[in-house]
């Protein structure tokens, strides 16, 4: 199948902090292939800096220690800034975390896996011109050991797309443009203009215009098939979308059913199957923040909404098992339900104030009748289990208060809700 990689990712062009080093690198690139020794990576003893724990030479390429770790021949020179940018783009990014599927990537091993496939397609060439790229396999399929099973031309691949038969068929380069689906010829512009990052192709070109093997491998690795050979720890979203080979399709289906049965309460609920809608959940959490701000519900409500969204991000970005995620998610959902109850009170005109007294008790004060400004708040107190004041504590204790009030009304669902909390009620002192 085609990898789920957003084409909205920020394009990258390498930029060394030391401009003298960069200029030196660009000058020396023109003579890179004039001498066979210059085709080889430099020894790690010649490193002038370090990226990802590996040496980097004065021209910006990884030194021999990276090639050794990756299992690459010495004539594959990989520009370090490209790899760093790719890793940062693919791993968890707090700003755009929903575009990431990996919690941690071992990039040396990942590019080594890519080389296992690439070396079966390279045609034993030292350098490549556009004419050579046109003869490169357009797509391929591999077995579980990354051995090539079959290669496909452009026309053959288009035929497979028309028949919806592209599962387990991978593009050599990101040459497909979506919406509408278009197919480009393979050339140096298409292979360096990626969905993920945009390396500077001039870094990998010699004075004759040929592109080095290291450059072609970088473009090959920098494709929408990266997940095929990524050595990584996937986050929860990555596990759901099949980026963890240890998780079966049955596990993924069961996870989707669980999330569908335990959907978050949303301001603008979308009436369709959950099916991996982490983005929809996040959007709803963001709307609660925006709505709380727009309707002037108070800083306590706004901060609680923000706290819940931050927690959701951390949960989805984590590298825990799906079963552990379910357990943590149910606890999160309880506190989110508590927030929604509090939010609805505030939207109905109640004034909410949350603080902590000198004895460590959390006080949630709700004033429902705002026509009488002199009417005192009705305080709700609950003993905090932790001396640390957090909005999670506030939400949980508010919801416990809500359950206590429902018990007094004789609500039939009370016992079920209490089982979800599994708390010792004797340790909680409610004062209404």
Foldseek 3Di string as FASTA:
>chain_A
DFFPAALVADADEDDDPPVVLQVVLLVVQQCQPVDPVSLFFAAQVQFPDDDPRFGAHSNQWTHPVLCVLLVHPRSQTARRRLLVQLQVQAAADPVPRVNHWFPHFPVSPLLSLLCLQVVVFVVPDFWDAFVRQLPTFQKFAADLSNHTDDTHHPVRVVVCVVVVNCVRIGGQAAQWDVDPTDGDGDHPVRLQSASGYRYDQSSQAYSVRIGGPNSSSSSSCRHSCSLSRIDGQTFQLNVLSPSDVVADPVNNVVLQVLCQVQPADFPDDDPDRCSSPLVVNLVRLVVQLVVCVVVVQDPLLNVLSVVLSVVSSCLRSDRDDSVVSSLVVLLSRQLSVLSVVVSVLSVQPWHWDWDADPVQKIWIWIHNDVVDVPDDTDIKIKHFPDSDDDSSSVSNSSVVVVLVVVVVVVDPCSVVVCVSVPDDCVRIDIDD
